[in-house]
């Protein structure tokens, strides 16, 4: 009962656990995709405000005019952008009601890379000298901004600082919209605080949130919010390597690409904490298994006695009966349950077996009696061909060669037909039987009959049923050649055809018009029936006869070699 009940329970628990696990993961992934999509849309709104700020700053005629004048000036005169330009920049931001809580600084550069900043103005200080200003065109971020041809580009780090800090940058190359060629008039860098992504967070605990800039082969971590236990997971190398490390640490993650910046928003959660509910299925399964095992033991303890006791009694009865020490009582009654039915059936079979044993004994006695009678019956045939042998020797003494030959042929023919009581006879002996028979018939009919035989040497050792061919030769003489005027011819052929032997007996006698007459005689009908009974449905017996031309009989049947193989 334990083996029957517990494995299905474990299988059910296993599949339930896996289904719950897959369902939880799938639901979590769908939820995270929706969450990341919402987070990305919130980030899009904030980043588009930055883009709008870039465009409004560029559209201000006074600021654009100062950039053109400053870019055309080579000295340090009043035409160079200074704090007044910074004040105008501040007025533009304030007057357009931009939310500046996430703006760390706004820096604007003319064509000579002289700059003023609103906010943390010291960020552009490192580019205050002529030598340092010449470094700007050589930077990677500047080349990327130039390639964008006036489009706002977001970088995952602060381009005006040496190391990654608490902000990232939006860079836009300013071009004069009044010129057809759109010549460059300056550069606008807005540094945004990374805390802007905190608005997109709505989960905590064992989950984490990453923003990766994957524009290069080595992604830049723009924003990193992780549980304490994940801080040791390195976020270096390429994107696939980062994801593999998270997966190996036991986290599953969802990814969504932000439309505005092209950055990857990644949410990840610890698999163990996510599947804590599904793990309870395994615990419940084990408790149920233990409970069912206990119930099974109690039930089996009380029930097994009612089952095994009758079975042990039945076993003892069978063993005693097999030893012959217990007589079978046919009047004994049994219970109506399954074991009782088995007991009753066994008793019935035992009684039938006892009756069959007695019947078999009687049959064996009768068989022995029949064998004795058969041995007595064989005394007469032996006496007959012994007498024929005596006639043969007496004819030789009297120099009666024809009488001696007839007696010898008759004796040999009779011996071959008896065949020591065996049903099978080699082909060569059956042919000898036909030859002796033809000698006798030619002596009777003054050599009217010519006998020919064509037998393959290979099949002469094969065994066939005795008296299978001789009756056909006899039938050819009495019904074909004897009514014919003059001499006649009989031809016997034998060959092997695959797994069959084929024998043909042909004569040139008077023939037959009605072939049904062959079924009225004893000889042909006897051969046909014996052939079908002994060799089965694969054997064939065919007759072909034409009036005035003769008759042809063909036998086809599976062969047997003298070893007994079929």
Protein backbone atom coordinates (compact mmCIF):
# COMPACT_ATOMS: atom_id res chain seq x y z
CA UNK A 1 0.00 0.00 0.00
CA UNK A 2 2.91 2.32 0.71
CA UNK A 3 4.44 1.58 -2.69
CA UNK A 4 1.08 2.17 -4.39
CA UNK A 5 0.10 5.36 -2.58
CA UNK A 6 3.33 7.29 -2.01
CA UNK A 7 4.95 7.36 -5.50
CA UNK A 8 1.88 9.01 -7.11
CA UNK A 9 1.87 11.53 -4.26
CA UNK A 10 5.55 12.33 -4.81
CA UNK A 11 4.98 12.60 -8.57
CA UNK A 12 2.01 14.90 -7.96
CA UNK A 13 4.07 16.99 -5.54
CA UNK A 14 6.96 17.17 -7.99
CA UNK A 15 4.77 18.34 -10.86
CA UNK A 16 2.81 20.70 -8.59
CA UNK A 17 6.05 22.24 -7.36
CA UNK A 18 7.38 22.72 -10.87
CA UNK A 19 4.09 24.07 -12.17
CA UNK A 20 3.88 26.50 -9.24
CA UNK A 21 7.51 27.46 -9.77
CA UNK A 22 7.01 28.10 -13.49
CA UNK A 23 3.77 29.99 -12.81
CA UNK A 24 5.40 32.21 -10.20
CA UNK A 25 8.36 32.93 -12.44
CA UNK A 26 6.13 33.61 -15.42
CA UNK A 27 3.83 35.90 -13.40
CA UNK A 28 6.85 37.66 -11.95
CA UNK A 29 8.37 38.16 -15.39
CA UNK A 30 5.09 39.55 -16.74
CA UNK A 31 4.70 41.80 -13.72
CA UNK A 32 8.29 43.01 -14.05
CA UNK A 33 7.87 43.70 -17.75
CA UNK A 34 4.89 45.89 -16.92
CA UNK A 35 6.80 47.52 -14.08
CA UNK A 36 9.84 48.18 -16.25
CA UNK A 37 7.64 49.56 -19.00
CA UNK A 38 6.05 51.96 -16.51
CA UNK A 39 9.46 52.88 -15.10
CA UNK A 40 10.75 53.52 -18.62
CA UNK A 41 7.76 55.75 -19.40
CA UNK A 42 8.33 57.75 -16.21
CA UNK A 43 12.00 58.10 -17.15
CA UNK A 44 10.96 59.17 -20.66
CA UNK A 45 8.89 62.03 -19.22
CA UNK A 46 11.80 63.24 -17.10
CA UNK A 47 14.35 62.90 -19.90
CA UNK A 48 12.08 64.63 -22.39
CA UNK A 49 11.92 67.59 -20.03
CA UNK A 50 15.72 67.72 -20.34
CA UNK A 51 15.41 67.54 -24.14
CA UNK A 52 12.82 70.32 -24.11
CA UNK A 53 15.15 72.41 -21.92
CA UNK A 54 17.92 71.94 -24.50
CA UNK A 55 15.71 73.13 -27.32
CA UNK A 56 14.30 76.15 -25.45
CA UNK A 57 17.81 77.26 -24.48
CA UNK A 58 18.85 77.03 -28.14
CA UNK A 59 15.78 78.95 -29.29
CA UNK A 60 16.59 82.00 -27.11
CA UNK A 61 17.82 84.70 -29.50
CA UNK A 62 19.81 86.71 -26.93
CA UNK A 63 21.67 83.68 -25.66
CA UNK A 64 22.35 82.46 -29.16
CA UNK A 65 23.61 85.94 -30.14
CA UNK A 66 26.02 86.05 -27.17
CA UNK A 67 27.35 82.60 -28.16
CA UNK A 68 28.00 83.84 -31.70
CA UNK A 69 29.78 86.99 -30.47
CA UNK A 70 31.80 85.08 -27.89
CA UNK A 71 32.79 82.49 -30.43
CA UNK A 72 34.02 85.21 -32.81
CA UNK A 73 36.13 86.89 -30.07
CA UNK A 74 39.67 85.63 -29.53
CA UNK A 75 40.55 87.69 -26.46
CA UNK A 76 39.30 88.21 -22.95
CA UNK A 77 37.27 91.36 -23.66
CA UNK A 78 33.67 92.00 -22.69
CA UNK A 79 32.40 90.07 -25.72
CA UNK A 80 33.40 86.76 -24.11
CA UNK A 81 30.59 84.93 -22.31
CA UNK A 82 30.73 85.49 -18.56
CA UNK A 83 28.51 85.51 -15.50
CA UNK A 84 25.94 87.62 -17.34
CA UNK A 85 25.43 84.78 -19.77
CA UNK A 86 25.02 82.43 -16.80
CA UNK A 87 22.33 84.71 -15.37
CA UNK A 88 20.49 84.71 -18.70
CA UNK A 89 20.72 80.91 -18.71
CA UNK A 90 19.23 80.82 -15.22
CA UNK A 91 16.43 83.20 -16.23
CA UNK A 92 15.53 80.98 -19.18
CA UNK A 93 15.27 77.93 -16.92
CA UNK A 94 13.26 79.73 -14.24
CA UNK A 95 10.95 81.58 -16.61
CA UNK A 96 9.99 78.37 -18.38
CA UNK A 97 9.12 76.69 -15.07
CA UNK A 98 11.47 73.75 -15.52
CA UNK A 99 11.71 71.41 -12.54
CA UNK A 100 15.34 71.72 -11.53
CA UNK A 101 15.40 69.39 -8.52
CA UNK A 102 17.19 66.74 -10.60
CA UNK A 103 19.44 69.26 -12.43
CA UNK A 104 22.91 69.34 -10.96
CA UNK A 105 24.26 71.92 -13.42
CA UNK A 106 23.81 73.41 -16.87
CA UNK A 107 26.99 74.38 -18.73
CA UNK A 108 27.14 76.20 -22.04
CA UNK A 109 30.27 76.46 -24.22
CA UNK A 110 30.98 78.76 -27.15
CA UNK A 111 32.90 77.69 -30.26
CA UNK A 112 36.19 78.27 -28.44
CA UNK A 113 35.00 76.02 -25.57
CA UNK A 114 34.84 78.94 -23.12
CA UNK A 115 32.03 78.12 -20.68
CA UNK A 116 29.66 79.38 -18.03
CA UNK A 117 27.55 77.16 -15.75
CA UNK A 118 24.31 77.39 -13.89
CA UNK A 119 24.46 75.28 -10.75
CA UNK A 120 27.78 73.64 -9.87
CA UNK A 121 29.88 75.99 -11.98
CA UNK A 122 33.11 74.38 -10.81
CA UNK A 123 32.41 71.39 -13.02
CA UNK A 124 33.56 73.35 -16.06
CA UNK A 125 36.53 74.87 -14.21
CA UNK A 126 38.88 72.13 -15.36
CA UNK A 127 38.32 73.46 -18.88
CA UNK A 128 39.10 77.08 -17.85
CA UNK A 129 42.55 77.36 -19.51
CA UNK A 130 43.35 77.35 -23.19
CA UNK A 131 45.23 74.06 -22.90
CA UNK A 132 42.42 72.28 -21.15
CA UNK A 133 39.82 73.70 -23.55
CA UNK A 134 41.71 72.13 -26.43
CA UNK A 135 41.11 68.71 -24.83
CA UNK A 136 37.33 68.87 -25.33
CA UNK A 137 37.35 68.05 -29.10
CA UNK A 138 39.57 65.08 -28.32
CA UNK A 139 37.19 63.43 -25.89
CA UNK A 140 35.08 60.43 -26.85
CA UNK A 141 31.84 61.99 -25.64
CA UNK A 142 32.41 65.08 -27.78
CA UNK A 143 32.99 62.98 -30.89
CA UNK A 144 29.76 61.09 -30.18
CA UNK A 145 27.83 64.36 -29.77
CA UNK A 146 29.29 65.71 -33.00
CA UNK A 147 28.25 62.56 -34.86
CA UNK A 148 24.67 63.06 -33.60
CA UNK A 149 24.48 66.33 -35.63
CA UNK A 150 22.51 68.37 -33.10
CA UNK A 151 20.53 65.54 -31.50
CA UNK A 152 20.54 65.27 -27.70
CA UNK A 153 22.82 62.45 -26.52
CA UNK A 154 22.66 60.95 -23.04
CA UNK A 155 25.82 59.60 -21.44
CA UNK A 156 25.78 57.29 -18.43
CA UNK A 157 28.37 59.39 -16.61
CA UNK A 158 29.18 63.07 -15.99
CA UNK A 159 31.27 64.12 -19.00
CA UNK A 160 32.72 67.10 -17.09
CA UNK A 161 34.14 65.01 -14.25
CA UNK A 162 37.01 62.55 -14.27
CA UNK A 163 35.27 59.77 -12.34
CA UNK A 164 31.72 58.47 -12.28
CA UNK A 165 29.80 60.43 -9.72
CA UNK A 166 26.20 60.97 -8.72
CA UNK A 167 25.10 62.44 -12.04
CA UNK A 168 25.00 61.73 -15.77
CA UNK A 169 25.08 64.12 -18.71
CA UNK A 170 22.99 65.19 -21.67
CA UNK A 171 25.12 66.75 -24.43
CA UNK A 172 23.84 68.70 -27.41
CA UNK A 173 25.87 70.45 -30.10
CA UNK A 174 24.30 73.89 -30.66
CA UNK A 175 23.90 74.92 -34.28
CA UNK A 176 22.66 78.22 -35.71
CA UNK A 177 19.15 77.59 -37.06
CA UNK A 178 19.36 80.81 -39.14
CA UNK A 179 22.17 79.44 -41.34
CA UNK A 180 21.57 76.92 -44.08
CA UNK A 181 24.68 75.02 -43.21
CA UNK A 182 23.73 74.97 -39.52
CA UNK A 183 27.19 75.89 -38.32
CA UNK A 184 28.17 75.04 -34.75
CA UNK A 185 27.82 77.94 -32.31
CA UNK A 186 28.42 76.13 -29.04
CA UNK A 187 27.88 73.16 -26.82
CA UNK A 188 25.26 72.56 -24.13
CA UNK A 189 25.88 70.08 -21.31
CA UNK A 190 23.17 69.37 -18.74
CA UNK A 191 24.22 67.22 -15.80
CA UNK A 192 21.31 65.30 -14.24
CA UNK A 193 21.29 63.73 -10.80
CA UNK A 194 20.99 59.93 -10.83
CA UNK A 195 18.36 60.20 -8.12
CA UNK A 196 15.96 60.92 -10.97
CA UNK A 197 15.56 57.12 -11.32
CA UNK A 198 14.31 56.82 -7.74
CA UNK A 199 10.90 57.87 -8.99
CA UNK A 200 10.80 54.69 -11.04
CA UNK A 201 11.35 52.41 -8.01
CA UNK A 202 8.37 50.70 -6.45
CA UNK A 203 9.94 47.56 -4.99
CA UNK A 204 12.51 46.83 -2.32
CA UNK A 205 13.75 43.96 -0.24
CA UNK A 206 15.43 41.20 -2.25
CA UNK A 207 14.92 42.88 -5.63
CA UNK A 208 17.27 45.23 -7.46
CA UNK A 209 17.17 47.80 -10.26
CA UNK A 210 19.90 48.66 -12.77
CA UNK A 211 20.17 51.14 -15.60
CA UNK A 212 22.91 50.27 -18.10
CA UNK A 213 24.25 52.34 -20.97
CA UNK A 214 25.07 49.63 -23.53
CA UNK A 215 26.18 51.97 -26.33
CA UNK A 216 29.73 50.58 -26.04
CA UNK A 217 31.11 47.05 -25.65
CA UNK A 218 31.77 47.79 -21.95
CA UNK A 219 28.39 48.95 -20.56
CA UNK A 220 28.29 51.87 -18.13
CA UNK A 221 26.25 51.50 -14.95
CA UNK A 222 24.09 54.62 -14.93
CA UNK A 223 22.06 53.70 -11.87
CA UNK A 224 22.59 50.90 -9.39
CA UNK A 225 20.07 49.93 -6.73
CA UNK A 226 20.83 46.51 -5.25
CA UNK A 227 20.24 44.57 -2.02
CA UNK A 228 23.25 44.26 0.25
CA UNK A 229 23.87 40.60 -0.60
CA UNK A 230 24.32 41.47 -4.31
CA UNK A 231 26.90 44.20 -3.78
CA UNK A 232 29.70 41.66 -4.13
CA UNK A 233 28.54 40.76 -7.65
CA UNK A 234 30.84 42.57 -10.04
CA UNK A 235 29.19 44.64 -12.76
CA UNK A 236 32.18 44.83 -15.05
CA UNK A 237 32.77 43.36 -18.47
CA UNK A 238 30.27 43.09 -21.28
CA UNK A 239 26.51 42.93 -20.95
CA UNK A 240 26.23 39.14 -21.30
CA UNK A 241 28.88 38.59 -18.63
CA UNK A 242 26.96 40.84 -16.20
CA UNK A 243 23.73 38.93 -16.78
CA UNK A 244 25.51 35.56 -16.39
CA UNK A 245 26.93 36.61 -13.03
CA UNK A 246 23.48 37.63 -11.82
CA UNK A 247 22.02 34.32 -13.00
CA UNK A 248 24.80 32.30 -11.33
CA UNK A 249 24.20 34.19 -8.09
CA UNK A 250 20.61 32.89 -8.08
CA UNK A 251 18.71 35.84 -9.53
CA UNK A 252 16.18 36.06 -12.35
CA UNK A 253 15.87 39.32 -14.24
CA UNK A 254 13.73 41.21 -16.72
CA UNK A 255 15.05 43.74 -19.25
CA UNK A 256 13.35 46.68 -20.97
CA UNK A 257 14.96 49.17 -23.37
CA UNK A 258 14.24 52.84 -22.77
CA UNK A 259 13.09 54.61 -25.92
CA UNK A 260 14.57 58.05 -25.19
CA UNK A 261 18.06 57.14 -24.03
CA UNK A 262 18.42 53.64 -25.50
CA UNK A 263 19.54 52.42 -22.04
CA UNK A 264 18.62 49.02 -20.58
CA UNK A 265 16.35 49.02 -17.52
CA UNK A 266 16.95 45.79 -15.61
CA UNK A 267 14.95 44.50 -12.67
CA UNK A 268 16.18 41.39 -10.84
CA UNK A 269 15.00 39.43 -7.84
CA UNK A 270 16.40 36.55 -5.81
CA UNK A 271 14.94 33.25 -7.05
CA UNK A 272 14.97 31.75 -3.55
CA UNK A 273 12.78 34.48 -2.10
CA UNK A 274 10.49 34.45 -5.12
CA UNK A 275 9.92 30.69 -4.87
CA UNK A 276 9.47 30.64 -1.10
CA UNK A 277 5.74 29.97 -1.52
CA UNK A 278 6.25 27.15 -4.01
CA UNK A 279 8.74 25.51 -1.63
CA UNK A 280 5.87 25.08 0.81
CA UNK A 281 4.32 22.65 -1.67
CA UNK A 282 7.28 20.30 -1.14
CA UNK A 283 6.96 20.55 2.65
CA UNK A 284 3.23 19.85 2.51
CA UNK A 285 3.87 16.92 0.17
CA UNK A 286 6.34 15.38 2.61
CA UNK A 287 3.89 15.80 5.52
CA UNK A 288 1.09 14.21 3.51
CA UNK A 289 3.41 11.37 2.49
CA UNK A 290 4.34 10.67 6.12
CA UNK A 291 0.68 10.79 7.16
CA UNK A 292 -0.39 8.44 4.37
CA UNK A 293 2.48 6.05 5.16
CA UNK A 294 1.27 5.83 8.75
CA UNK A 295 -2.32 5.21 7.67
CA UNK A 296 -1.13 2.58 5.18
CA UNK A 297 0.82 0.73 7.87
CA UNK A 298 -2.16 0.68 10.25
CA UNK A 299 -4.58 -0.47 7.56
CA UNK A 300 -2.20 -3.14 6.27
CA UNK A 301 -1.65 -4.42 9.82
CA UNK A 302 -5.37 -5.02 10.38
CA UNK A 303 -6.31 -6.05 6.83
CA UNK A 304 -3.37 -8.31 5.98
CA UNK A 305 -4.46 -10.93 8.52
CA UNK A 306 -7.80 -11.43 6.79
CA UNK A 307 -6.04 -11.84 3.44
CA UNK A 308 -2.86 -13.75 4.19
CA UNK A 309 -4.35 -16.33 6.58
CA UNK A 310 -6.68 -17.92 3.96
CA UNK A 311 -3.88 -17.72 1.38
CA UNK A 312 -1.49 -19.57 3.70
CA UNK A 313 -4.17 -22.21 4.29
CA UNK A 314 -4.61 -22.55 0.53
CA UNK A 315 -0.86 -22.91 0.08
CA UNK A 316 -0.71 -25.66 2.72
CA UNK A 317 -3.60 -27.48 1.06
CA UNK A 318 -1.90 -27.34 -2.35
CA UNK A 319 1.42 -28.58 -0.96
CA UNK A 320 -0.28 -31.44 0.93
CA UNK A 321 -2.29 -32.41 -2.14
CA UNK A 322 0.84 -32.37 -4.33
CA UNK A 323 2.50 -34.74 -1.86
CA UNK A 324 -0.58 -36.97 -1.90
CA UNK A 325 -1.06 -36.80 1.87
CA UNK A 326 -4.47 -35.05 1.81
CA UNK A 327 -7.54 -36.48 0.04
CA UNK A 328 -9.72 -34.01 -1.87
CA UNK A 329 -13.14 -33.55 -0.32
CA UNK A 330 -15.58 -32.27 -2.92
CA UNK A 331 -18.33 -31.50 -0.38
CA UNK A 332 -16.35 -28.95 1.67
CA UNK A 333 -17.78 -25.40 1.65
CA UNK A 334 -15.82 -22.13 1.47
CA UNK A 335 -16.38 -18.44 2.02
CA UNK A 336 -17.81 -16.33 -0.80
CA UNK A 337 -14.82 -13.96 -1.01
CA UNK A 338 -12.03 -14.05 -3.60
CA UNK A 339 -9.87 -16.50 -1.65
CA UNK A 340 -12.88 -18.76 -1.15
CA UNK A 341 -13.51 -18.75 -4.90
CA UNK A 342 -9.85 -19.70 -5.49
CA UNK A 343 -10.17 -22.54 -2.93
CA UNK A 344 -13.35 -23.84 -4.56
CA UNK A 345 -11.82 -23.63 -8.03
CA UNK A 346 -8.71 -25.50 -6.91
CA UNK A 347 -10.79 -28.24 -5.31
CA UNK A 348 -12.83 -28.59 -8.50
CA UNK A 349 -9.70 -28.74 -10.66
CA UNK A 350 -8.14 -31.29 -8.32
CA UNK A 351 -11.22 -33.55 -8.58
CA UNK A 352 -11.24 -33.21 -12.39
CA UNK A 353 -7.51 -33.95 -12.45
CA UNK A 354 -8.07 -37.07 -10.34
CA UNK A 355 -10.78 -38.25 -12.74
CA UNK A 356 -8.54 -37.55 -15.74
CA UNK A 357 -5.70 -39.49 -14.15
CA UNK A 358 -7.97 -42.51 -13.73
CA UNK A 359 -9.20 -42.13 -17.32
CA UNK A 360 -5.61 -41.86 -18.56
CA UNK A 361 -4.70 -45.04 -16.75
CA UNK A 362 -7.58 -46.87 -18.42
CA UNK A 363 -6.49 -45.50 -21.82
CA UNK A 364 -2.92 -46.68 -21.27
CA UNK A 365 -4.17 -50.18 -20.42
CA UNK A 366 -6.29 -50.26 -23.57
CA UNK A 367 -3.32 -48.98 -25.63
CA UNK A 368 -1.12 -51.78 -24.32
CA UNK A 369 -3.84 -54.25 -25.20
CA UNK A 370 -4.04 -52.84 -28.75
CA UNK A 371 -0.27 -53.12 -29.12
CA UNK A 372 -0.41 -56.77 -28.14
CA UNK A 373 -3.13 -57.38 -30.72
CA UNK A 374 -1.06 -55.53 -33.35
CA UNK A 375 1.95 -57.71 -32.61
CA UNK A 376 -0.24 -60.77 -32.98
CA UNK A 377 -1.63 -59.43 -36.29
CA UNK A 378 1.90 -59.00 -37.65
CA UNK A 379 2.52 -62.73 -37.26
CA UNK A 380 0.25 -63.46 -40.29
CA UNK A 381 2.05 -61.07 -42.78
CA UNK A 382 5.41 -62.44 -41.69
CA UNK A 383 4.12 -65.94 -42.21
CA UNK A 384 2.89 -64.92 -45.70
CA UNK A 385 6.12 -63.46 -47.11
CA UNK A 386 8.13 -66.23 -45.42
CA UNK A 387 5.95 -68.66 -47.34
CA UNK A 388 6.58 -66.69 -50.55
CA UNK A 389 10.32 -66.96 -49.92
CA UNK A 390 9.89 -70.74 -49.64
CA UNK A 391 7.99 -70.82 -52.97
CA UNK A 392 10.81 -68.76 -54.53
CA UNK A 393 13.51 -71.24 -53.44
CA UNK A 394 11.38 -74.23 -54.52
CA UNK A 395 10.86 -72.66 -57.97
CA UNK A 396 14.61 -72.18 -58.33
CA UNK A 397 15.18 -75.85 -57.48
CA UNK A 398 12.64 -76.83 -60.11
CA UNK A 399 14.26 -74.35 -62.57
CA UNK A 400 11.04 -72.35 -62.92
CA UNK A 401 12.62 -68.91 -63.28
CA UNK A 402 9.41 -67.03 -64.04
CA UNK A 403 7.63 -68.47 -61.03
CA UNK A 404 10.66 -67.70 -58.84
CA UNK A 405 10.81 -64.12 -60.14
CA UNK A 406 7.12 -63.56 -59.48
CA UNK A 407 7.36 -64.98 -55.96
CA UNK A 408 10.45 -62.85 -55.25
CA UNK A 409 8.84 -59.67 -56.56
CA UNK A 410 5.63 -60.34 -54.66
CA UNK A 411 7.59 -61.03 -51.47
CA UNK A 412 9.71 -57.86 -51.83
CA UNK A 413 6.67 -55.80 -52.71
CA UNK A 414 4.86 -57.11 -49.67
CA UNK A 415 7.85 -56.35 -47.41
CA UNK A 416 8.13 -52.79 -48.73
CA UNK A 417 4.43 -52.17 -48.24
CA UNK A 418 4.66 -53.31 -44.62
CA UNK A 419 7.85 -51.19 -44.07
CA UNK A 420 8.19 -52.58 -40.53
CA UNK A 421 5.08 -50.65 -39.50
CA UNK A 422 6.53 -47.20 -40.32
CA UNK A 423 4.43 -44.61 -42.19
CA UNK A 424 7.39 -42.96 -43.97
CA UNK A 425 9.57 -44.64 -46.55
CA UNK A 426 12.58 -43.37 -48.54
CA UNK A 427 11.88 -42.47 -52.17
CA UNK A 428 14.27 -45.12 -53.48
CA UNK A 429 12.35 -47.88 -51.63
CA UNK A 430 9.02 -46.63 -53.00
CA UNK A 431 10.59 -46.84 -56.48
CA UNK A 432 11.75 -50.41 -55.74
CA UNK A 433 8.17 -51.22 -54.77
CA UNK A 434 6.96 -49.91 -58.16
CA UNK A 435 9.63 -51.87 -60.04
CA UNK A 436 8.62 -55.15 -58.33
CA UNK A 437 5.00 -54.39 -59.05
CA UNK A 438 5.76 -53.74 -62.75
CA UNK A 439 7.67 -57.06 -62.97
CA UNK A 440 4.60 -58.90 -61.67
CA UNK A 441 2.23 -57.08 -64.04
CA UNK A 442 4.43 -57.63 -67.10
CA UNK A 443 4.62 -61.33 -66.28
CA UNK A 444 0.82 -61.38 -66.17
CA UNK A 445 0.34 -59.36 -69.37
CA UNK A 446 3.25 -60.73 -71.40
CA UNK A 447 5.41 -57.56 -71.19
CA UNK A 448 2.76 -55.22 -72.62
CA UNK A 449 3.80 -52.34 -70.35
CA UNK A 450 6.95 -50.24 -70.70
CA UNK A 451 8.01 -48.47 -67.48
CA UNK A 452 10.29 -45.37 -67.43
CA UNK A 453 11.47 -43.36 -64.45
CA UNK A 454 13.33 -40.05 -64.20
CA UNK A 455 14.08 -39.26 -60.57
CA UNK A 456 16.55 -36.63 -59.35
CA UNK A 457 19.36 -38.35 -57.46
CA UNK A 458 19.16 -35.76 -54.64
CA UNK A 459 15.60 -36.66 -53.59
CA UNK A 460 16.05 -40.45 -53.47
CA UNK A 461 17.10 -40.22 -49.82
CA UNK A 462 14.09 -38.07 -48.88
CA UNK A 463 11.24 -39.71 -46.97
CA UNK A 464 7.68 -39.73 -48.26
CA UNK A 465 4.50 -41.38 -47.11
CA UNK A 466 4.48 -45.08 -48.08
CA UNK A 467 2.16 -46.36 -50.81
CA UNK A 468 1.86 -42.85 -52.27
CA UNK A 469 3.15 -43.54 -55.82
CA UNK A 470 2.52 -47.27 -56.31
CA UNK A 471 -1.32 -46.92 -56.27
CA UNK A 472 -1.04 -44.30 -59.03
CA UNK A 473 0.98 -46.72 -61.22
CA UNK A 474 -1.51 -49.46 -60.45
CA UNK A 475 -4.41 -47.16 -61.41
CA UNK A 476 -2.65 -46.25 -64.68
CA UNK A 477 -2.39 -49.95 -65.63
CA UNK A 478 -5.93 -51.04 -64.73
CA UNK A 479 -7.79 -47.96 -65.99
CA UNK A 480 -5.49 -46.64 -68.70
CA UNK A 481 -3.31 -49.32 -70.30
CA UNK A 482 -5.26 -52.55 -69.73
CA UNK A 483 -8.31 -51.39 -71.81
CA UNK A 484 -5.93 -50.19 -74.55
CA UNK A 485 -5.17 -52.40 -77.51
CA UNK A 486 -1.48 -53.20 -77.77
CA UNK A 487 1.45 -52.01 -75.72
CA UNK A 488 1.41 -49.09 -73.31
CA UNK A 489 3.88 -46.81 -71.57
CA UNK A 490 4.08 -45.49 -68.00
CA UNK A 491 6.48 -42.72 -67.07
CA UNK A 492 7.36 -41.69 -63.47
CA UNK A 493 9.25 -38.43 -62.83
CA UNK A 494 10.37 -36.83 -59.56
CA UNK A 495 12.07 -33.55 -58.78
CA UNK A 496 12.56 -30.96 -56.05
CA UNK A 497 10.89 -27.56 -56.44
CA UNK A 498 12.05 -25.27 -53.62
CA UNK A 499 10.69 -26.77 -50.41
CA UNK A 500 8.41 -29.17 -52.28
CA UNK A 501 8.70 -32.52 -54.05
CA UNK A 502 6.85 -32.95 -57.32
CA UNK A 503 6.03 -36.46 -58.67
CA UNK A 504 4.25 -37.13 -61.94
CA UNK A 505 2.79 -40.43 -63.21
CA UNK A 506 1.88 -40.37 -66.93
CA UNK A 507 0.44 -43.04 -69.19
CA UNK A 508 -0.56 -43.14 -72.87
CA UNK A 509 -3.68 -45.18 -72.23
CA UNK A 510 -7.31 -44.63 -73.15
CA UNK A 511 -7.72 -41.54 -70.95
CA UNK A 512 -10.86 -40.26 -69.22
CA UNK A 513 -13.61 -37.90 -70.24
CA UNK A 514 -15.19 -37.58 -66.77
CA UNK A 515 -12.54 -36.95 -64.09
CA UNK A 516 -15.11 -37.41 -61.31
CA UNK A 517 -14.83 -41.15 -61.84
CA UNK A 518 -11.44 -41.00 -60.10
CA UNK A 519 -13.22 -40.17 -56.84
CA UNK A 520 -15.35 -43.31 -57.05
CA UNK A 521 -12.42 -45.70 -56.98
CA UNK A 522 -10.60 -46.66 -53.80
CA UNK A 523 -6.96 -46.18 -54.88
CA UNK A 524 -6.93 -42.58 -56.18
CA UNK A 525 -9.31 -41.27 -53.53
CA UNK A 526 -7.23 -42.98 -50.82
CA UNK A 527 -4.01 -41.35 -52.05
CA UNK A 528 -5.66 -37.92 -52.30
CA UNK A 529 -7.09 -38.06 -48.77
CA UNK A 530 -3.89 -39.42 -47.22
CA UNK A 531 -1.86 -36.71 -48.99
CA UNK A 532 -4.10 -33.93 -47.67
CA UNK A 533 -4.22 -35.30 -44.12
CA UNK A 534 -0.48 -35.96 -43.80
CA UNK A 535 1.03 -32.97 -45.67
CA UNK A 536 -1.65 -30.38 -45.00
CA UNK A 537 -3.17 -27.66 -47.20
CA UNK A 538 0.13 -26.85 -48.95
CA UNK A 539 -0.02 -30.19 -50.82
CA UNK A 540 -1.78 -30.55 -54.19
CA UNK A 541 -3.19 -33.48 -56.18
CA UNK A 542 -4.00 -32.75 -59.84
CA UNK A 543 -5.26 -34.93 -62.71
CA UNK A 544 -5.12 -34.10 -66.40
CA UNK A 545 -6.60 -36.59 -68.91
CA UNK A 546 -7.58 -36.62 -72.57
CA UNK A 547 -9.59 -39.38 -74.21
CA UNK A 548 -7.40 -41.47 -76.49
CA UNK A 549 -4.17 -39.72 -75.40
CA UNK A 550 -3.65 -40.71 -71.77
CA UNK A 551 -3.71 -39.45 -68.20
CA UNK A 552 -1.29 -37.40 -66.12
CA UNK A 553 -1.38 -37.29 -62.27
CA UNK A 554 0.83 -34.87 -60.35
CA UNK A 555 1.57 -34.77 -56.62
CA UNK A 556 3.17 -31.76 -54.91
CA UNK A 557 3.98 -31.73 -51.17
CA UNK A 558 6.65 -30.58 -48.65
CA UNK A 559 9.62 -32.92 -48.53
CA UNK A 560 11.18 -34.75 -45.59
CA UNK A 561 14.75 -35.97 -45.48
CA UNK A 562 15.67 -39.21 -43.77
CA UNK A 563 16.86 -37.19 -40.73
CA UNK A 564 13.24 -36.27 -40.12
CA UNK A 565 13.68 -32.59 -41.01
CA UNK A 566 10.73 -31.00 -42.81
